[in-house]
Amino acid sequence: MPLYSAKLTTMDAFLKWACPEPSCEVQLSTRARINYLVKYWAYKAVTVKKFYSMSVAIREVWRFLYRALEYTAHVKIYYRWKKAKAAGQNINKLDLVEQLGLLDHMYAIAYGALLK
């Protein structure tokens, strides 16, 4: 058995606690659960040598989620974020998703695409 399999088993157990089914009530915010999912899958991608660094893997997982949100909710987060930045607002893309009320939708996408 490889050394990292024990870590993944404990991380899987932690992930099940941190990110339950979308309809369940938990103590963590939806935003925190999305961040846990992104970091978990970035970690898994780095351990199987799909990406060379954790920062690259995290960036790619976020890109995947924003693209999936664009296709399912028909909202172009990147363009809205650029427009908000040009207007002088200091906002990140996840704040924009939260302002639009799509955070639960994004969690459902992240849960469905990354955990199942």
Protein backbone atom coordinates (compact mmCIF):
# COMPACT_ATOMS: atom_id res chain seq x y z
CA MET A 1 0.00 0.00 0.00
CA PRO A 2 1.48 3.41 -0.95
CA LEU A 3 2.17 5.86 1.85
CA TYR A 4 -0.21 8.51 0.57
CA SER A 5 -3.24 6.20 0.51
CA ALA A 6 -3.57 6.46 4.29
CA LYS A 7 -3.56 10.26 4.00
CA LEU A 8 -6.24 10.16 1.30
CA THR A 9 -8.39 7.88 3.43
CA THR A 10 -8.28 10.30 6.34
CA MET A 11 -8.75 13.24 3.98
CA ASP A 12 -11.77 11.49 2.42
CA ALA A 13 -13.25 11.04 5.88
CA PHE A 14 -12.63 14.72 6.65
CA LEU A 15 -14.14 15.74 3.31
CA LYS A 16 -17.30 13.76 4.01
CA TRP A 17 -17.61 15.68 7.28
CA ALA A 18 -16.78 19.06 5.73
CA CYS A 19 -18.81 18.68 2.52
CA PRO A 20 -22.01 16.70 3.02
CA GLU A 21 -24.78 16.33 0.48
CA PRO A 22 -26.04 19.77 -0.65
CA SER A 23 -29.39 19.32 1.08
CA CYS A 24 -27.84 18.60 4.50
CA GLU A 25 -27.40 21.19 7.22
CA VAL A 26 -23.78 21.76 8.30
CA GLN A 27 -21.74 24.15 10.40
CA LEU A 28 -19.49 25.38 7.57
CA SER A 29 -20.56 28.06 5.14
CA THR A 30 -21.15 27.18 1.52
CA ARG A 31 -18.16 29.28 0.56
CA ALA A 32 -15.90 27.32 2.92
CA ARG A 33 -17.21 24.01 1.58
CA ILE A 34 -16.45 25.08 -2.01
CA ASN A 35 -12.93 26.07 -0.97
CA TYR A 36 -12.41 22.68 0.72
CA LEU A 37 -13.54 20.88 -2.42
CA VAL A 38 -11.24 22.94 -4.65
CA LYS A 39 -8.22 22.40 -2.42
CA TYR A 40 -8.99 18.70 -1.99
CA TRP A 41 -9.15 18.07 -5.73
CA ALA A 42 -6.08 20.19 -6.36
CA TYR A 43 -4.24 18.08 -3.78
CA LYS A 44 -5.41 14.87 -5.47
CA ALA A 45 -4.33 16.17 -8.89
CA VAL A 46 -0.86 17.03 -7.58
CA THR A 47 -0.42 13.65 -5.87
CA VAL A 48 -1.12 11.76 -9.10
CA LYS A 49 1.29 14.10 -10.94
CA LYS A 50 -1.34 15.68 -13.17
CA PHE A 51 -0.02 19.13 -12.21
CA TYR A 52 3.42 20.16 -11.01
CA SER A 53 2.38 22.59 -8.30
CA MET A 54 -0.55 23.10 -5.98
CA SER A 55 -1.16 26.68 -7.15
CA VAL A 56 -1.55 25.59 -10.78
CA ALA A 57 -3.92 22.81 -9.76
CA ILE A 58 -6.05 25.15 -7.64
CA ARG A 59 -6.27 27.65 -10.50
CA GLU A 60 -7.39 24.93 -12.94
CA VAL A 61 -10.07 23.60 -10.59
CA TRP A 62 -11.46 27.14 -10.16
CA ARG A 63 -11.47 27.61 -13.94
CA PHE A 64 -13.37 24.37 -14.32
CA LEU A 65 -15.98 25.47 -11.77
CA TYR A 66 -16.49 28.90 -13.35
CA ARG A 67 -16.86 27.32 -16.81
CA ALA A 68 -19.36 24.80 -15.46
CA LEU A 69 -21.30 27.63 -13.81
CA GLU A 70 -21.32 29.48 -17.12
CA TYR A 71 -22.80 26.48 -18.92
CA THR A 72 -25.39 25.58 -16.29
CA ALA A 73 -26.51 29.00 -15.01
CA HIS A 74 -25.74 30.92 -18.24
CA VAL A 75 -23.77 33.57 -16.34
CA LYS A 76 -20.37 34.71 -17.57
CA ILE A 77 -18.60 35.34 -14.29
CA TYR A 78 -15.26 36.28 -15.89
CA TYR A 79 -16.77 39.06 -18.01
CA ARG A 80 -18.87 40.40 -15.15
CA TRP A 81 -15.76 40.38 -12.93
CA LYS A 82 -13.76 42.31 -15.58
CA LYS A 83 -16.57 44.84 -15.91
CA ALA A 84 -16.73 45.30 -12.12
CA LYS A 85 -12.96 45.77 -11.95
CA ALA A 86 -13.10 48.35 -14.73
CA ALA A 87 -15.79 50.18 -12.75
CA GLY A 88 -13.40 50.42 -9.80
CA GLN A 89 -14.88 47.72 -7.56
CA ASN A 90 -12.37 45.61 -5.66
CA ILE A 91 -14.17 42.27 -5.90
CA ASN A 92 -13.12 38.70 -6.61
CA LYS A 93 -15.04 36.17 -8.70
CA LEU A 94 -16.36 34.18 -5.76
CA ASP A 95 -17.75 37.38 -4.18
CA LEU A 96 -19.48 38.07 -7.49
CA VAL A 97 -21.01 34.59 -7.50
CA GLU A 98 -22.22 35.22 -3.96
CA GLN A 99 -23.73 38.60 -4.91
CA LEU A 100 -25.61 36.96 -7.79
CA GLY A 101 -27.03 34.36 -5.40
CA LEU A 102 -25.41 31.43 -7.22
CA LEU A 103 -23.22 30.13 -4.40
CA ASP A 104 -25.49 27.15 -3.67
CA HIS A 105 -25.64 26.37 -7.37
CA MET A 106 -21.85 26.46 -7.55
CA TYR A 107 -21.59 24.14 -4.55
CA ALA A 108 -23.98 21.69 -6.23
CA ILE A 109 -21.77 21.76 -9.34
CA ALA A 110 -18.60 21.29 -7.31
CA TYR A 111 -20.10 18.48 -5.28
CA GLY A 112 -21.54 16.70 -8.30
CA ALA A 113 -18.56 17.10 -10.59
CA LEU A 114 -15.72 16.65 -8.14
CA LEU A 115 -17.03 14.10 -5.65
CA LYS A 116 -19.16 11.79 -7.77
